[in-house]
């Protein structure tokens, strides 16, 4: 599946198989490291990539793998639990992935919007 990703300050907003140009309103504050795997996309503000597979898990795994290639710690799936790490919130069309049937195994379809939010914790 083809995805378009728009980085924000603490999240990635993802559109699955968009039919037109992808924008999400006026630019907001963006952490430069959010573009680390896709430096050439920073000017445009949108990252486009192909994801092998159709599930939420495939999307999260492949985005994480791209960050690992440039030594950025962005790993929404905890390898110990094989579920979303507690440092992330993942929403599909505005709903937490946990309330969507099949959770991480849900098949993403054209036009779905996925938000991958980092949860900032101040406990050490």
Protein backbone atom coordinates (compact mmCIF):
# COMPACT_ATOMS: atom_id res chain seq x y z
CA UNK A 1 0.00 0.00 0.00
CA UNK A 2 1.10 3.56 -0.58
CA UNK A 3 1.14 5.95 2.36
CA UNK A 4 1.72 9.67 2.77
CA UNK A 5 3.19 10.75 6.11
CA UNK A 6 3.09 14.25 7.55
CA UNK A 7 5.37 14.70 10.59
CA UNK A 8 4.27 17.02 13.37
CA UNK A 9 5.95 17.94 16.64
CA UNK A 10 5.25 14.64 18.44
CA UNK A 11 3.36 12.57 15.90
CA UNK A 12 3.28 11.14 12.42
CA UNK A 13 0.00 11.53 10.56
CA UNK A 14 -0.44 8.89 7.89
CA UNK A 15 -2.90 8.72 5.00
CA UNK A 16 -3.37 5.32 3.37
CA UNK A 17 -3.53 5.29 -0.45
CA UNK A 18 -4.42 8.97 -0.78
CA UNK A 19 -6.20 9.94 -3.99
CA UNK A 20 -4.96 13.52 -4.14
CA UNK A 21 -2.36 15.84 -2.68
CA UNK A 22 -1.87 15.32 1.05
CA UNK A 23 -1.68 18.31 3.39
CA UNK A 24 -2.75 18.72 7.00
CA UNK A 25 -3.30 22.41 7.46
CA UNK A 26 -0.65 25.05 8.05
CA UNK A 27 2.80 23.86 9.09
CA UNK A 28 3.30 23.39 12.78
CA UNK A 29 6.43 23.08 14.83
CA UNK A 30 8.33 20.04 13.62
CA UNK A 31 11.25 18.26 15.23
CA UNK A 32 13.94 17.92 12.54
CA UNK A 33 14.68 14.31 13.51
CA UNK A 34 11.15 13.36 12.39
CA UNK A 35 12.44 13.67 8.79
CA UNK A 36 15.73 11.86 9.45
CA UNK A 37 14.99 8.84 7.20
CA UNK A 38 13.54 11.08 4.49
CA UNK A 39 15.63 14.26 4.41
CA UNK A 40 14.61 15.06 0.83
CA UNK A 41 10.94 15.18 1.90
CA UNK A 42 11.46 17.94 4.48
CA UNK A 43 11.06 20.73 1.93
CA UNK A 44 7.77 19.30 0.68
CA UNK A 45 6.53 18.45 4.18
CA UNK A 46 5.09 15.10 3.12
CA UNK A 47 6.82 11.73 3.06
CA UNK A 48 5.62 9.15 0.56
CA UNK A 49 6.52 5.49 0.91
CA UNK A 50 5.35 2.02 -0.04
CA UNK A 51 4.47 -0.39 2.75
CA UNK A 52 4.54 -4.13 2.12
CA UNK A 53 1.40 -5.57 3.64
CA UNK A 54 -1.96 -4.04 4.47
CA UNK A 55 -2.11 -4.09 8.27
CA UNK A 56 -1.47 -1.53 10.95
CA UNK A 57 1.32 -3.75 12.27
CA UNK A 58 3.03 -3.72 8.84
CA UNK A 59 2.83 0.07 8.71
CA UNK A 60 4.24 0.56 12.22
CA UNK A 61 7.01 -1.99 11.70
CA UNK A 62 8.19 -0.55 8.39
CA UNK A 63 8.12 3.08 9.56
CA UNK A 64 10.08 2.03 12.65
CA UNK A 65 12.59 0.15 10.47
CA UNK A 66 13.21 3.31 8.42
CA UNK A 67 14.03 5.26 11.60
CA UNK A 68 16.32 2.48 12.84
CA UNK A 69 18.32 2.77 9.59
CA UNK A 70 19.34 6.30 10.63
CA UNK A 71 19.78 5.47 14.34
CA UNK A 72 16.61 7.22 15.54
CA UNK A 73 14.75 5.58 18.43
CA UNK A 74 11.20 5.45 17.09
CA UNK A 75 9.76 2.04 17.88
CA UNK A 76 6.02 1.99 18.51
CA UNK A 77 5.89 -1.81 18.85
CA UNK A 78 7.47 -3.16 22.03
CA UNK A 79 9.44 -6.31 21.12
CA UNK A 80 8.78 -7.81 24.57
CA UNK A 81 4.99 -7.60 24.33
CA UNK A 82 4.61 -7.49 20.53
CA UNK A 83 2.04 -4.74 21.12
CA UNK A 84 2.15 -0.93 21.05
CA UNK A 85 4.70 0.42 23.51
CA UNK A 86 3.25 2.49 26.36
CA UNK A 87 5.21 5.52 25.06
CA UNK A 88 2.95 5.71 21.98
CA UNK A 89 -0.71 6.23 21.18
CA UNK A 90 -1.92 4.88 17.85
CA UNK A 91 -5.22 6.06 16.40
CA UNK A 92 -7.03 4.87 13.27
CA UNK A 93 -9.56 7.37 11.95
CA UNK A 94 -9.58 9.02 15.38
CA UNK A 95 -10.10 5.79 17.36
CA UNK A 96 -7.55 4.07 19.54
CA UNK A 97 -6.28 0.96 17.74
CA UNK A 98 -7.33 -1.16 20.75
CA UNK A 99 -11.05 -0.56 20.08
CA UNK A 100 -10.78 -1.30 16.37
CA UNK A 101 -11.52 -4.94 15.45
CA UNK A 102 -8.29 -6.96 15.11
CA UNK A 103 -6.15 -4.24 16.75
CA UNK A 104 -2.69 -4.24 15.15
CA UNK A 105 -3.89 -6.82 12.64
CA UNK A 106 -6.58 -4.53 11.22
CA UNK A 107 -6.41 -4.21 7.46
CA UNK A 108 -5.94 -0.57 6.46
CA UNK A 109 -8.04 0.65 3.56
CA UNK A 110 -7.92 3.56 1.13
CA UNK A 111 -8.39 6.89 2.89
CA UNK A 112 -7.71 5.61 6.42
CA UNK A 113 -5.85 8.08 8.62
CA UNK A 114 -3.40 6.78 11.20
CA UNK A 115 -1.83 8.91 13.92
CA UNK A 116 1.28 7.65 15.66
CA UNK A 117 1.73 9.87 18.72
CA UNK A 118 4.66 9.85 21.07
CA UNK A 119 3.59 10.23 24.68
CA UNK A 120 6.02 12.42 26.60
CA UNK A 121 6.60 11.09 30.09
CA UNK A 122 8.32 13.14 32.74
CA UNK A 123 8.92 10.36 35.23
CA UNK A 124 12.58 9.80 34.54
